């Protein structure tokens, strides 16, 4: 089963195992991981599931919609920034570590 490790700005860490097909955003919401809001429910219409991908994960390219929304993040956009709703377990990664920004909205 794919695994997602969330690193909070406080230093706390949450790790969850998820079924393939689960987004980073949905996994956080389903497992009560603080730090991801997911206001739009995964429709690439907000930036409240912003994460910083750790390491050298080989993820697919950022879509135009995701790129536009990443310009609207509450915390700084970095080269490692992604929307958690667009990164899917099994399709895009087996295991992944992400840092959560201090602010989502």
Protein backbone atom coordinates (compact mmCIF):
# COMPACT_ATOMS: atom_id res chain seq x y z
CA UNK A 1 0.00 0.00 0.00
CA UNK A 2 1.37 3.49 -0.80
CA UNK A 3 2.55 5.60 2.12
CA UNK A 4 2.43 9.39 2.62
CA UNK A 5 4.49 11.13 5.29
CA UNK A 6 3.36 14.64 6.24
CA UNK A 7 5.90 16.91 7.95
CA UNK A 8 4.19 19.75 9.83
CA UNK A 9 5.76 23.18 10.30
CA UNK A 10 5.71 22.46 14.07
CA UNK A 11 8.03 19.48 13.57
CA UNK A 12 5.30 16.86 14.07
CA UNK A 13 5.08 14.03 11.56
CA UNK A 14 2.08 11.96 10.41
CA UNK A 15 2.44 8.88 8.21
CA UNK A 16 -0.54 7.17 6.61
CA UNK A 17 -0.97 4.20 4.29
CA UNK A 18 -3.55 4.75 1.56
CA UNK A 19 -5.15 2.78 -1.24
CA UNK A 20 -3.90 3.42 -4.76
CA UNK A 21 -5.84 6.22 -6.40
CA UNK A 22 -5.91 8.39 -3.26
CA UNK A 23 -4.58 11.94 -3.53
CA UNK A 24 -2.29 13.52 -0.95
CA UNK A 25 -5.16 15.91 -0.13
CA UNK A 26 -7.83 13.20 0.26
CA UNK A 27 -5.50 11.07 2.39
CA UNK A 28 -4.94 14.00 4.77
CA UNK A 29 -8.65 14.75 5.07
CA UNK A 30 -9.65 11.10 5.52
CA UNK A 31 -6.98 10.52 8.17
CA UNK A 32 -7.51 13.81 10.08
CA UNK A 33 -4.06 15.14 9.23
CA UNK A 34 -4.00 18.83 10.14
CA UNK A 35 -2.56 21.32 7.69
CA UNK A 36 -4.55 20.59 4.53
CA UNK A 37 -7.93 22.25 4.06
CA UNK A 38 -9.00 21.09 0.58
CA UNK A 39 -11.78 23.68 0.22
CA UNK A 40 -12.62 22.84 -3.40
CA UNK A 41 -12.60 19.09 -2.86
CA UNK A 42 -9.83 18.41 -5.36
CA UNK A 43 -11.05 20.32 -8.40
CA UNK A 44 -7.89 22.46 -8.81
CA UNK A 45 -9.96 25.54 -7.93
CA UNK A 46 -8.15 26.64 -4.77
CA UNK A 47 -4.70 26.28 -3.25
CA UNK A 48 -5.65 24.99 0.20
CA UNK A 49 -3.93 21.63 -0.32
CA UNK A 50 -0.52 23.16 -1.07
CA UNK A 51 2.41 20.91 -0.14
CA UNK A 52 6.17 20.95 -0.58
CA UNK A 53 7.36 17.62 -2.00
CA UNK A 54 10.51 16.39 -0.25
CA UNK A 55 13.30 14.62 -2.04
CA UNK A 56 13.45 13.83 -5.71
CA UNK A 57 10.03 12.33 -6.32
CA UNK A 58 9.57 11.74 -10.06
CA UNK A 59 6.13 13.31 -10.42
CA UNK A 60 4.29 14.19 -13.62
CA UNK A 61 4.57 17.74 -14.90
CA UNK A 62 2.40 20.43 -13.35
CA UNK A 63 -0.71 21.14 -15.43
CA UNK A 64 -1.59 24.69 -16.47
CA UNK A 65 -4.48 24.75 -13.96
CA UNK A 66 -2.27 23.56 -11.11
CA UNK A 67 0.43 26.06 -12.08
CA UNK A 68 -2.09 28.90 -11.97
CA UNK A 69 -3.43 27.86 -8.55
CA UNK A 70 0.10 27.53 -7.12
CA UNK A 71 0.48 31.25 -7.78
CA UNK A 72 -2.34 31.76 -5.22
CA UNK A 73 -0.87 29.87 -2.25
CA UNK A 74 -1.00 31.45 1.21
CA UNK A 75 2.63 30.52 1.88
CA UNK A 76 5.56 30.93 -0.47
CA UNK A 77 5.56 28.94 -3.69
CA UNK A 78 8.77 26.95 -4.08
CA UNK A 79 10.14 24.72 -6.84
CA UNK A 80 8.89 21.76 -4.78
CA UNK A 81 5.32 23.13 -4.47
CA UNK A 82 2.43 20.99 -5.64
CA UNK A 83 -1.30 20.83 -5.02
CA UNK A 84 -1.98 17.72 -2.95
CA UNK A 85 -5.20 17.07 -4.87
CA UNK A 86 -3.22 16.53 -8.07
CA UNK A 87 -0.67 14.00 -6.78
CA UNK A 88 -2.13 10.49 -6.69
CA UNK A 89 -0.88 7.37 -4.86
CA UNK A 90 -0.10 4.48 -7.16
CA UNK A 91 -0.24 6.62 -10.29
CA UNK A 92 2.39 9.19 -9.28
CA UNK A 93 4.20 7.62 -6.32
CA UNK A 94 4.51 4.55 -4.12
CA UNK A 95 5.82 6.43 -1.07
CA UNK A 96 6.18 10.18 -0.73
CA UNK A 97 7.14 12.73 1.90
CA UNK A 98 5.70 16.24 1.91
CA UNK A 99 6.13 19.28 4.10
CA UNK A 100 3.02 21.26 4.97
CA UNK A 101 3.15 25.05 4.84
CA UNK A 102 2.31 26.95 8.02
CA UNK A 103 -0.71 28.59 6.30
CA UNK A 104 -3.22 27.31 3.76
CA UNK A 105 -5.65 30.23 3.49
